[in-house]
N, C-alpha and C. Protein backbone atom coordinates (compact mmCIF):
# COMPACT_ATOMS: atom_id res chain seq x y z
N UNK A 1 -38.18 -12.30 26.30
CA UNK A 1 -37.47 -11.91 24.92
C UNK A 1 -38.10 -13.12 23.79
N UNK A 2 -38.45 -11.98 22.66
CA UNK A 2 -38.70 -13.35 21.12
C UNK A 2 -38.12 -13.06 20.24
N UNK A 3 -38.34 -14.12 19.24
CA UNK A 3 -36.99 -14.42 18.45
C UNK A 3 -36.07 -13.44 18.14
N UNK A 4 -37.61 -12.74 17.17
CA UNK A 4 -36.42 -11.89 16.47
C UNK A 4 -35.54 -10.78 17.34
N UNK A 5 -36.07 -10.50 18.46
CA UNK A 5 -35.26 -9.55 19.44
C UNK A 5 -33.56 -10.34 19.76
N UNK A 6 -33.90 -11.99 19.99
CA UNK A 6 -32.52 -12.36 19.91
C UNK A 6 -31.71 -12.44 18.52
N UNK A 7 -32.26 -12.23 17.64
CA UNK A 7 -31.85 -11.86 16.22
C UNK A 7 -31.14 -11.12 15.90
N UNK A 8 -31.87 -9.90 16.42
CA UNK A 8 -31.88 -8.15 16.33
C UNK A 8 -30.16 -8.76 17.19
N UNK A 9 -30.22 -8.69 18.53
CA UNK A 9 -29.24 -8.51 19.41
C UNK A 9 -27.58 -9.43 19.15
N UNK A 10 -27.94 -10.66 18.42
CA UNK A 10 -27.16 -11.41 17.59
C UNK A 10 -26.47 -11.16 16.89
N UNK A 11 -27.22 -10.18 16.20
CA UNK A 11 -26.60 -9.43 14.84
C UNK A 11 -25.64 -8.28 15.39
N UNK A 12 -26.28 -7.35 16.34
CA UNK A 12 -25.71 -6.38 16.55
C UNK A 12 -23.97 -6.83 17.61
N UNK A 13 -24.29 -8.04 17.89
CA UNK A 13 -23.56 -8.54 18.40
C UNK A 13 -22.08 -9.11 17.86
N UNK A 14 -22.39 -9.43 16.73
CA UNK A 14 -21.65 -9.74 15.74
C UNK A 14 -21.42 -8.82 14.63
N UNK A 15 -21.64 -8.16 14.82
CA UNK A 15 -21.63 -6.33 14.09
C UNK A 15 -19.92 -5.59 15.21
N UNK A 16 -20.56 -5.67 15.97
CA UNK A 16 -19.45 -5.25 16.95
C UNK A 16 -17.94 -5.89 17.29
N UNK A 17 -18.41 -7.58 17.30
CA UNK A 17 -17.16 -8.30 17.16
C UNK A 17 -16.51 -8.53 15.95
N UNK A 18 -17.29 -7.91 14.80
CA UNK A 18 -16.50 -7.79 13.38
C UNK A 18 -15.66 -6.30 13.57
N UNK A 19 -16.55 -5.52 13.68
CA UNK A 19 -15.52 -4.33 14.30
C UNK A 19 -14.26 -4.32 15.04
N UNK A 20 -14.49 -4.90 16.18
CA UNK A 20 -13.15 -5.37 17.23
C UNK A 20 -12.15 -5.75 16.14
N UNK A 21 -12.48 -7.14 15.89
CA UNK A 21 -11.56 -7.31 15.29
C UNK A 21 -10.86 -6.64 14.22
N UNK A 22 -11.58 -6.61 13.42
CA UNK A 22 -10.91 -5.37 12.08
C UNK A 22 -9.75 -4.11 12.50
N UNK A 23 -10.55 -4.11 13.73
CA UNK A 23 -10.04 -2.13 14.12
C UNK A 23 -8.81 -2.62 15.10
N UNK A 24 -8.85 -4.13 15.82
CA UNK A 24 -7.64 -3.99 16.72
C UNK A 24 -6.96 -5.77 16.80
N UNK A 25 -7.28 -6.33 15.95
CA UNK A 25 -6.29 -7.56 15.28
C UNK A 25 -6.03 -7.55 14.32
N UNK A 26 -6.23 -6.78 13.10
CA UNK A 26 -5.89 -6.82 11.70
C UNK A 26 -5.21 -6.15 11.10
N UNK A 27 -4.67 -6.31 9.67
CA UNK A 27 -3.89 -5.46 8.70
C UNK A 27 -4.19 -3.59 9.25
N UNK A 28 -5.62 -2.92 9.67
CA UNK A 28 -5.78 -1.66 9.70
C UNK A 28 -5.21 -1.17 11.46
N UNK A 29 -5.00 -2.11 11.97
CA UNK A 29 -5.11 -2.01 13.66
C UNK A 29 -3.65 -1.83 13.16
N UNK A 30 -2.27 -1.94 12.61
CA UNK A 30 -0.77 -0.91 12.60
C UNK A 30 -1.04 0.47 12.36
N UNK A 31 0.27 1.00 13.31
CA UNK A 31 0.37 2.09 13.15
C UNK A 31 1.13 2.98 13.38
N UNK A 32 1.91 3.67 12.91
CA UNK A 32 3.36 4.18 12.55
C UNK A 32 3.94 3.52 13.86
N UNK A 33 3.65 4.24 14.90
CA UNK A 33 4.18 4.20 16.46
C UNK A 33 5.36 2.72 16.40
N UNK A 34 4.23 1.80 15.34
CA UNK A 34 4.45 0.53 16.05
C UNK A 34 6.14 0.06 15.43
N UNK A 35 6.55 0.58 14.70
CA UNK A 35 7.51 0.27 13.74
C UNK A 35 8.71 1.89 14.28
N UNK A 36 8.86 2.35 15.17
CA UNK A 36 9.86 3.59 15.39
C UNK A 36 10.79 2.86 15.98
N UNK A 37 10.99 1.34 16.49
CA UNK A 37 12.50 1.17 16.36
C UNK A 37 12.92 0.18 15.12
N UNK A 38 14.62 -0.12 14.92
CA UNK A 38 14.46 -0.48 13.97
C UNK A 38 15.36 0.02 12.93
N UNK A 39 15.47 -0.26 12.06
CA UNK A 39 16.24 0.76 11.08
C UNK A 39 15.70 1.59 10.20
N UNK A 40 15.81 3.16 9.96
CA UNK A 40 15.26 4.09 9.87
C UNK A 40 14.67 4.18 8.15
N UNK A 41 13.43 4.04 7.84
CA UNK A 41 13.66 4.16 6.34
C UNK A 41 13.28 5.82 5.88
N UNK A 42 13.89 5.95 5.46
CA UNK A 42 14.23 7.15 4.63
C UNK A 42 13.80 7.65 3.60
N UNK A 43 12.42 7.77 2.92
CA UNK A 43 11.95 7.85 1.49
C UNK A 43 12.96 8.30 0.32
N UNK A 44 13.50 9.71 0.61
CA UNK A 44 14.32 9.99 0.00
C UNK A 44 15.46 9.19 -0.16
N UNK A 45 16.10 8.43 0.84
CA UNK A 45 17.09 7.48 0.06
C UNK A 45 16.69 6.49 -0.26
N UNK A 46 15.67 5.70 0.18
CA UNK A 46 15.23 4.35 -0.52
C UNK A 46 14.57 4.04 -1.43
N UNK A 47 13.69 5.40 -2.02
CA UNK A 47 13.02 5.44 -2.85
C UNK A 47 13.75 6.51 -4.02
N UNK A 48 15.47 6.06 -4.23
CA UNK A 48 16.39 7.31 -4.64
C UNK A 48 16.64 6.24 -6.12
N UNK A 49 16.81 6.74 -7.37
CA UNK A 49 17.50 5.53 -8.12
C UNK A 49 16.74 4.71 -9.17
N UNK A 50 17.05 3.56 -9.30
CA UNK A 50 16.19 2.93 -10.38
C UNK A 50 16.05 1.59 -8.91
N UNK A 51 14.62 1.50 -9.74
CA UNK A 51 14.29 0.03 -8.79
C UNK A 51 13.80 -0.81 -9.09
N UNK A 52 14.05 -1.76 -8.82
CA UNK A 52 12.91 -2.98 -9.58
C UNK A 52 12.03 -3.64 -8.33
N UNK A 53 10.68 -4.27 -8.82
CA UNK A 53 9.57 -4.22 -8.21
C UNK A 53 9.03 -6.13 -8.40
N UNK A 54 8.84 -6.76 -7.80
CA UNK A 54 8.34 -7.76 -8.33
C UNK A 54 6.97 -8.04 -7.23
N UNK A 55 5.77 -8.24 -7.93
CA UNK A 55 4.24 -8.59 -6.88
C UNK A 55 3.40 -9.82 -7.35
N UNK A 56 2.40 -9.43 -6.46
CA UNK A 56 1.21 -10.75 -6.72
C UNK A 56 -0.12 -9.67 -6.28
N UNK A 57 -0.95 -9.63 -6.68
CA UNK A 57 -2.21 -9.16 -6.62
C UNK A 57 -3.25 -10.26 -6.39
N UNK A 58 -3.98 -10.83 -5.12
CA UNK A 58 -4.65 -11.37 -4.97
C UNK A 58 -6.15 -11.00 -4.67
N UNK A 59 -7.18 -10.93 -5.63
CA UNK A 59 -8.93 -10.75 -5.61
C UNK A 59 -9.42 -10.91 -4.30
N UNK A 60 -10.87 -10.69 -4.66
CA UNK A 60 -11.62 -10.72 -2.91
C UNK A 60 -11.65 -12.16 -2.12
N UNK A 61 -11.20 -13.49 -3.47
CA UNK A 61 -11.63 -14.84 -2.79
C UNK A 61 -9.81 -15.04 -2.00
N UNK A 62 -9.01 -13.98 -2.64
CA UNK A 62 -7.55 -14.69 -1.42
C UNK A 62 -6.51 -15.24 -2.71
N UNK A 63 -7.52 -15.57 -4.11
CA UNK A 63 -6.45 -16.45 -5.23
C UNK A 63 -5.69 -15.27 -5.75
N UNK A 64 -4.32 -15.26 -6.47
CA UNK A 64 -4.06 -14.42 -7.18
C UNK A 64 -4.87 -14.07 -8.28
N UNK A 65 -4.70 -12.72 -8.57
CA UNK A 65 -5.21 -12.51 -9.60
C UNK A 65 -4.68 -11.94 -10.53
N UNK A 66 -3.39 -11.84 -10.56
CA UNK A 66 -2.20 -11.22 -11.22
C UNK A 66 -0.96 -10.65 -10.63
N UNK A 67 -0.33 -11.04 -11.95
CA UNK A 67 1.33 -10.77 -11.24
C UNK A 67 1.77 -9.65 -11.98
N UNK A 68 2.99 -9.39 -11.46
CA UNK A 68 3.73 -8.41 -12.24
C UNK A 68 4.85 -8.27 -11.75
N UNK A 69 5.74 -7.29 -12.74
CA UNK A 69 7.28 -6.92 -12.35
C UNK A 69 6.92 -5.39 -13.01
N UNK A 70 7.91 -4.32 -12.17
CA UNK A 70 7.91 -3.26 -12.47
C UNK A 70 9.85 -2.41 -12.24
N UNK A 71 9.57 -1.49 -12.89
CA UNK A 71 10.85 -0.80 -13.18
C UNK A 71 10.61 0.69 -12.62
N UNK A 72 10.87 1.12 -11.45
CA UNK A 72 10.82 2.41 -10.64
C UNK A 72 11.96 3.27 -11.12
N UNK A 73 12.09 4.64 -11.08
CA UNK A 73 12.95 5.79 -11.44
C UNK A 73 12.44 6.88 -10.51
N UNK A 74 13.40 7.00 -9.43
CA UNK A 74 12.94 8.35 -8.80
C UNK A 74 14.30 9.01 -8.69
N UNK A 75 13.70 10.49 -8.09
CA UNK A 75 14.46 11.63 -8.29
C UNK A 75 13.98 12.35 -6.89
N UNK A 76 15.24 13.09 -5.81
CA UNK A 76 14.59 14.17 -4.90
C UNK A 76 14.82 15.34 -5.25
N UNK A 77 14.32 16.29 -5.00
CA UNK A 77 14.72 17.68 -4.68
C UNK A 77 14.28 18.45 -4.06
N UNK A 78 15.39 18.47 -3.04
CA UNK A 78 15.28 18.37 -1.16
C UNK A 78 13.99 17.40 -0.88
N UNK A 79 12.50 17.79 -0.32
CA UNK A 79 11.60 17.06 0.31
C UNK A 79 10.59 16.88 -0.44
N UNK A 80 10.67 16.91 -1.99
CA UNK A 80 9.92 16.83 -2.82
C UNK A 80 10.61 16.10 -3.99
N UNK A 81 10.08 14.76 -3.89
CA UNK A 81 10.22 13.47 -5.30
C UNK A 81 9.09 13.31 -6.22
N UNK A 82 9.73 12.44 -7.17
CA UNK A 82 9.15 12.11 -8.12
C UNK A 82 9.57 10.80 -8.38
N UNK A 83 8.33 9.63 -8.58
CA UNK A 83 8.78 8.58 -8.77
C UNK A 83 7.74 8.33 -10.00
N UNK A 84 8.53 7.68 -10.97
CA UNK A 84 8.27 7.02 -12.42
C UNK A 84 7.89 5.44 -12.00
N UNK A 85 6.66 4.99 -12.46
CA UNK A 85 6.75 3.44 -12.75
C UNK A 85 6.28 3.06 -13.20
N UNK A 86 7.09 2.46 -14.03
CA UNK A 86 6.51 1.21 -15.32
C UNK A 86 5.98 -0.71 -14.97
N UNK A 87 4.78 -0.78 -14.83
CA UNK A 87 4.27 -2.30 -14.51
C UNK A 87 4.34 -2.87 -15.87
N UNK A 88 4.23 -4.38 -15.39
CA UNK A 88 4.50 -4.97 -17.10
C UNK A 88 3.74 -6.61 -16.11
N UNK A 89 2.85 -6.05 -16.37
CA UNK A 89 1.63 -7.51 -16.10
C UNK A 89 1.71 -8.59 -16.41
N UNK A 90 1.78 -10.00 -16.07
CA UNK A 90 1.49 -11.09 -17.02
C UNK A 90 0.30 -11.18 -17.52
N UNK A 91 -0.84 -10.50 -17.86
CA UNK A 91 -1.93 -10.57 -18.75
C UNK A 91 -1.35 -9.60 -20.19
N UNK A 92 0.11 -9.24 -20.34
CA UNK A 92 0.47 -8.42 -21.02
C UNK A 92 0.22 -6.95 -20.93
N UNK A 93 -0.65 -6.72 -20.03
CA UNK A 93 -1.02 -5.22 -20.04
C UNK A 93 0.41 -4.22 -19.30
N UNK A 94 0.34 -3.13 -19.95
CA UNK A 94 1.63 -2.15 -19.28
C UNK A 94 0.83 -0.51 -18.76
N UNK A 95 1.55 -0.43 -17.84
CA UNK A 95 0.61 0.07 -17.39
C UNK A 95 2.01 1.56 -16.42
N UNK A 96 1.98 2.69 -17.09
CA UNK A 96 2.79 3.82 -16.36
C UNK A 96 1.60 4.21 -15.50
N UNK A 97 2.77 5.05 -13.92
CA UNK A 97 2.30 6.07 -12.74
C UNK A 97 3.14 7.11 -12.65
N UNK A 98 3.07 8.24 -12.28
CA UNK A 98 3.90 9.19 -11.95
C UNK A 98 3.84 9.56 -10.58
N UNK A 99 4.18 9.35 -9.42
CA UNK A 99 3.92 9.89 -8.35
C UNK A 99 5.20 11.09 -7.98
N UNK A 100 3.97 11.86 -7.29
CA UNK A 100 4.90 13.24 -6.65
C UNK A 100 4.84 12.76 -4.92
N UNK A 101 5.61 13.16 -4.32
CA UNK A 101 5.88 12.33 -3.44
C UNK A 101 6.65 13.99 -2.26
N UNK A 102 5.97 14.58 -1.69
CA UNK A 102 6.22 15.45 -0.50
C UNK A 102 6.25 15.20 0.81
N UNK A 103 7.69 15.04 1.35
CA UNK A 103 8.02 15.12 2.59
C UNK A 103 8.15 16.36 3.62
N UNK A 104 6.98 16.10 4.75
CA UNK A 104 7.21 16.77 5.70
C UNK A 104 8.34 17.01 6.96
N UNK A 105 8.23 17.75 7.69
CA UNK A 105 9.79 17.39 8.74
C UNK A 105 9.56 16.75 9.46
N UNK A 106 8.04 16.90 9.52
CA UNK A 106 7.55 15.75 10.45
C UNK A 106 7.41 14.58 10.63
N UNK A 107 7.81 13.62 8.99
CA UNK A 107 7.76 11.96 8.39
C UNK A 107 6.70 12.36 7.69
N UNK A 108 5.62 13.45 8.05
CA UNK A 108 3.87 13.63 7.06
C UNK A 108 4.36 12.96 5.19
N UNK A 109 3.85 12.41 4.69
CA UNK A 109 4.17 12.73 3.53
C UNK A 109 2.90 12.36 2.74
N UNK A 110 2.73 13.51 1.74
CA UNK A 110 1.58 13.94 0.87
C UNK A 110 1.97 13.39 -0.23
N UNK A 111 1.11 12.44 -1.05
CA UNK A 111 1.42 11.73 -2.34
C UNK A 111 0.42 11.85 -3.28
N UNK A 112 0.76 12.31 -4.53
CA UNK A 112 -0.52 12.60 -5.50
C UNK A 112 0.39 11.94 -7.19
N UNK A 113 -0.78 11.53 -7.59
CA UNK A 113 -0.68 10.99 -9.05
C UNK A 113 -2.06 11.18 -9.46
N UNK A 114 -2.09 11.08 -11.36
CA UNK A 114 -2.92 11.37 -12.23
C UNK A 114 -4.28 10.46 -11.54
N UNK A 115 -3.99 9.02 -11.21
CA UNK A 115 -4.89 7.98 -10.87
C UNK A 115 -5.72 8.20 -9.64
N UNK A 116 -4.73 8.84 -8.83
CA UNK A 116 -5.17 9.09 -7.37
C UNK A 116 -6.29 10.42 -6.94
N UNK A 117 -7.35 9.91 -6.42
CA UNK A 117 -8.07 11.11 -6.14
C UNK A 117 -7.59 11.99 -4.97
N UNK A 118 -7.87 13.20 -5.69
CA UNK A 118 -7.43 13.85 -4.79
C UNK A 118 -5.79 13.45 -3.85
N UNK A 119 -5.45 14.19 -2.69
CA UNK A 119 -4.15 13.82 -2.42
C UNK A 119 -4.20 12.64 -1.61
N UNK A 120 -2.77 11.93 -1.45
CA UNK A 120 -3.05 10.65 -0.44
C UNK A 120 -1.78 11.52 0.82
N UNK A 121 -2.45 10.42 1.58
CA UNK A 121 -1.26 11.33 2.68
C UNK A 121 -0.77 9.77 3.61
N UNK A 122 0.18 10.48 4.23
CA UNK A 122 1.36 8.91 4.95
C UNK A 122 1.76 9.53 6.47
N UNK A 123 2.82 8.36 6.80
CA UNK A 123 3.53 8.52 7.50
C UNK A 123 4.82 7.90 7.33
N UNK A 124 6.32 8.42 7.86
CA UNK A 124 6.87 7.51 7.74
C UNK A 124 7.74 7.48 8.94
N UNK A 125 7.79 6.35 10.33
CA UNK A 125 8.14 6.44 10.95
C UNK A 125 8.92 4.82 11.44
N UNK A 126 10.43 5.16 11.69
CA UNK A 126 11.12 4.25 12.35
C UNK A 126 11.41 3.34 10.54
N UNK A 127 10.93 2.19 11.18
CA UNK A 127 10.96 0.91 9.50
C UNK A 127 10.32 0.88 8.65
N UNK A 128 9.22 2.03 8.47
CA UNK A 128 8.01 1.92 8.13
C UNK A 128 7.49 2.89 7.31
N UNK A 129 6.43 2.84 6.36
CA UNK A 129 6.05 3.54 5.85
C UNK A 129 5.01 2.95 5.17
N UNK A 130 3.86 4.52 6.05
CA UNK A 130 2.12 4.01 5.46
C UNK A 130 1.54 4.50 4.66
N UNK A 131 0.61 4.84 3.47
CA UNK A 131 0.31 5.98 2.94
C UNK A 131 -1.35 5.35 2.94
N UNK A 132 -2.11 6.26 2.56
CA UNK A 132 -3.66 6.06 2.46
C UNK A 132 -3.67 6.77 1.51
N UNK A 133 -4.75 6.11 0.40
CA UNK A 133 -5.04 7.45 -0.89
C UNK A 133 -6.09 6.68 -1.68
N UNK A 134 -6.71 7.30 -2.25
CA UNK A 134 -8.18 6.80 -2.55
C UNK A 134 -7.55 6.84 -4.72
N UNK A 135 -7.52 5.18 -5.18
CA UNK A 135 -7.13 5.40 -6.52
C UNK A 135 -8.46 4.90 -7.40
N UNK A 136 -8.41 5.72 -8.89
CA UNK A 136 -9.22 5.23 -9.62
C UNK A 136 -8.55 4.24 -10.36
N UNK A 137 -9.23 2.84 -10.66
CA UNK A 137 -8.82 2.28 -11.49
C UNK A 137 -8.95 2.44 -12.89
N UNK A 138 -8.61 2.10 -14.39
CA UNK A 138 -8.63 1.80 -15.22
C UNK A 138 -9.98 1.76 -15.96
N UNK A 139 -10.69 2.40 -17.09
CA UNK A 139 -11.80 1.46 -17.25
C UNK A 139 -11.64 -0.04 -17.57
N UNK A 140 -10.72 -0.45 -18.10
CA UNK A 140 -10.93 -1.35 -18.59
C UNK A 140 -10.86 -2.39 -17.07
N UNK A 141 -10.28 -1.60 -16.09
CA UNK A 141 -11.10 -2.40 -14.88
C UNK A 141 -11.91 -2.19 -13.92
N UNK A 142 -12.86 -1.82 -14.49
CA UNK A 142 -13.95 -1.05 -14.08
C UNK A 142 -14.19 0.27 -13.95
N UNK A 143 -13.27 1.04 -13.89
CA UNK A 143 -13.01 2.52 -13.53
C UNK A 143 -14.03 2.79 -11.71
N UNK A 144 -13.29 1.42 -11.27
CA UNK A 144 -13.99 2.31 -9.35
C UNK A 144 -13.00 2.72 -8.86
N UNK A 145 -13.09 3.51 -7.72
CA UNK A 145 -12.43 4.22 -7.23
C UNK A 145 -12.50 3.41 -5.51
N UNK A 146 -10.95 2.73 -5.42
CA UNK A 146 -10.48 2.02 -4.14
C UNK A 146 -9.84 2.74 -3.04
N UNK A 147 -10.36 2.59 -1.92
CA UNK A 147 -9.58 2.90 -0.84
C UNK A 147 -8.39 2.16 -0.60
N UNK A 148 -7.24 2.41 -0.63
CA UNK A 148 -6.00 2.06 -0.65
C UNK A 148 -4.85 2.11 1.15
N UNK A 149 -4.72 1.69 1.72
CA UNK A 149 -3.97 1.59 3.05
C UNK A 149 -2.67 0.66 2.49
N UNK A 150 -1.61 1.46 2.20
CA UNK A 150 -0.02 0.87 1.77
C UNK A 150 0.84 1.07 3.03
N UNK A 151 1.11 -0.43 3.37
CA UNK A 151 2.46 -0.56 4.24
C UNK A 151 3.22 -0.96 3.16
N UNK A 152 4.96 0.01 3.99
CA UNK A 152 6.40 -0.56 3.38
C UNK A 152 6.97 -0.44 4.33
N UNK A 153 7.35 -1.79 4.67
CA UNK A 153 8.67 -2.44 5.61
C UNK A 153 9.81 -2.66 4.89
N UNK A 154 10.90 -1.70 5.48
CA UNK A 154 12.23 -1.73 5.44
C UNK A 154 13.32 -3.06 6.18
N UNK A 155 13.78 -4.29 5.32
CA UNK A 155 14.31 -4.88 5.85
C UNK A 155 15.29 -4.87 5.98
N UNK A 156 16.46 -5.79 6.73
CA UNK A 156 17.69 -5.23 7.51
C UNK A 156 18.20 -5.28 5.96
N UNK A 157 18.27 -5.96 5.04
CA UNK A 157 19.12 -5.98 4.17
C UNK A 157 19.00 -5.03 3.01
N UNK A 158 17.92 -4.10 3.69
CA UNK A 158 17.89 -2.62 2.42
C UNK A 158 16.50 -3.04 1.32
N UNK A 159 15.98 -4.01 1.39
CA UNK A 159 15.12 -4.41 0.58
C UNK A 159 13.72 -3.52 1.16
N UNK A 160 12.25 -4.05 0.46
CA UNK A 160 11.42 -3.28 1.18
C UNK A 160 10.27 -3.98 0.36
N UNK A 161 9.83 -4.14 1.84
CA UNK A 161 8.37 -5.54 1.67
C UNK A 161 7.16 -4.29 1.62
N UNK A 162 6.06 -4.63 0.77
CA UNK A 162 4.94 -4.21 0.71
C UNK A 162 3.60 -4.86 0.94
N UNK A 163 3.04 -4.17 1.25
CA UNK A 163 1.62 -4.89 1.28
C UNK A 163 0.51 -4.12 1.55
N UNK A 164 -0.41 -3.99 0.47
CA UNK A 164 -1.64 -2.88 0.62
C UNK A 164 -3.07 -3.95 -0.30
N UNK A 165 -3.93 -3.06 0.85
CA UNK A 165 -5.44 -3.74 1.12
C UNK A 165 -5.71 -3.05 0.21
N UNK A 166 -7.06 -3.03 -0.68
CA UNK A 166 -8.06 -2.35 -1.53
C UNK A 166 -9.60 -2.66 -1.11
N UNK A 167 -9.99 -1.52 -0.57
CA UNK A 167 -11.30 -1.81 -0.26
C UNK A 167 -12.03 -0.32 -1.07
N UNK A 168 -13.48 -1.48 -1.05
CA UNK A 168 -14.63 -0.65 -1.74
C UNK A 168 -15.85 -0.45 -0.60
N UNK A 169 -16.28 0.44 -0.22
CA UNK A 169 -17.23 0.46 1.01
C UNK A 169 -16.92 -0.05 2.25
N UNK A 170 -15.19 0.14 2.36
CA UNK A 170 -15.20 -0.75 3.94
C UNK A 170 -14.11 -2.51 3.62
N UNK A 171 -15.19 -2.81 2.20
CA UNK A 171 -14.83 -4.20 2.19
C UNK A 171 -13.43 -4.35 1.40
N UNK A 172 -12.51 -5.48 1.43
CA UNK A 172 -11.46 -5.83 1.50
C UNK A 172 -12.07 -6.37 -0.10
N UNK A 173 -11.82 -5.60 -1.73
CA UNK A 173 -12.10 -6.19 -2.47
C UNK A 173 -10.33 -6.79 -3.17
N UNK A 174 -9.08 -6.10 -2.83
CA UNK A 174 -7.71 -7.06 -3.35
C UNK A 174 -6.91 -6.79 -2.14
N UNK A 175 -5.74 -7.54 -2.66
CA UNK A 175 -4.47 -7.39 -1.52
C UNK A 175 -3.85 -7.10 -2.63
N UNK A 176 -2.23 -6.61 -2.58
CA UNK A 176 -0.92 -6.46 -3.34
C UNK A 176 -0.25 -7.07 -2.30
N UNK A 177 1.18 -7.60 -2.45
CA UNK A 177 2.48 -8.54 -2.12
C UNK A 177 3.36 -7.76 -2.70
N UNK A 178 4.28 -6.90 -2.43
CA UNK A 178 5.10 -6.95 -3.35
C UNK A 178 6.62 -6.96 -2.63
N UNK A 179 7.79 -6.51 -3.27
CA UNK A 179 9.11 -6.43 -2.69
C UNK A 179 9.34 -5.26 -3.73
N UNK A 180 10.73 -4.48 -3.52
CA UNK A 180 11.15 -3.30 -3.74
C UNK A 180 12.86 -3.15 -3.73
N UNK A 181 13.44 -3.04 -4.54
CA UNK A 181 15.18 -3.14 -4.32
C UNK A 181 15.63 -2.22 -5.25
N UNK A 182 16.72 -1.80 -4.92
CA UNK A 182 17.69 -1.12 -6.19
C UNK A 182 17.98 -1.87 -6.99
N UNK A 183 18.05 -1.51 -8.63
CA UNK A 183 17.68 -2.20 -9.42
C UNK A 183 19.55 -2.85 -9.42
N UNK A 184 20.34 -2.52 -8.84
CA UNK A 184 22.37 -3.04 -9.20
C UNK A 184 22.26 -4.25 -7.82
N UNK A 185 20.90 -4.32 -7.50
CA UNK A 185 20.93 -5.57 -6.32
C UNK A 185 20.16 -6.28 -6.59
N UNK A 186 20.55 -7.80 -7.66
CA UNK A 186 19.80 -8.19 -8.18
C UNK A 186 19.33 -9.50 -6.93
N UNK A 187 19.40 -10.03 -5.81
CA UNK A 187 18.66 -10.48 -5.26
C UNK A 187 18.95 -10.49 -3.94
N UNK A 188 18.33 -10.25 -3.04
CA UNK A 188 18.62 -9.98 -1.65
C UNK A 188 19.50 -10.93 -1.43
N UNK A 189 20.21 -9.69 -0.14
CA UNK A 189 21.29 -10.23 0.67
C UNK A 189 22.70 -10.49 -0.35
N UNK A 190 22.70 -9.66 -1.64
CA UNK A 190 23.79 -9.55 -2.35
C UNK A 190 24.19 -8.65 -2.05
């Protein structure tokens, strides 16, 4: 075989290995069924009333690019909920978002917001909630549309841990890690 053939075979093997790692050994490998056991995460119960959120956003190099605190206010009318979010970033920027969440009887979720392209879809199952959606960044942030995979995990004390990855053309460009809890619950365990 020629040198070029070896290079092409090596590149193909690296591509397959990368795909296998991403699909079966990473953030994307999670499935809702993985969290069927444990406390039940019902979004109508956990995303109801005033909620406090704190988080960090990591850029593509893994460094923290932004920090935020946020106040949410959520309410439900049957299986349709509204969650208003107000984010306060360490840069001084303030951002408002309003979600409309529709919960199906099978745990499927439809998520809509003005900066979401189309409708997001998700699933609540056991102690976790998964949302997938495409978000359009503000013009100040470049105006790009990013694909988001958003996992939320119910903790034993009732708080919620959130981990989200943002991708452009399949490449991770940012990651968010945040906590959410009822506003009247000042610290975990209280």
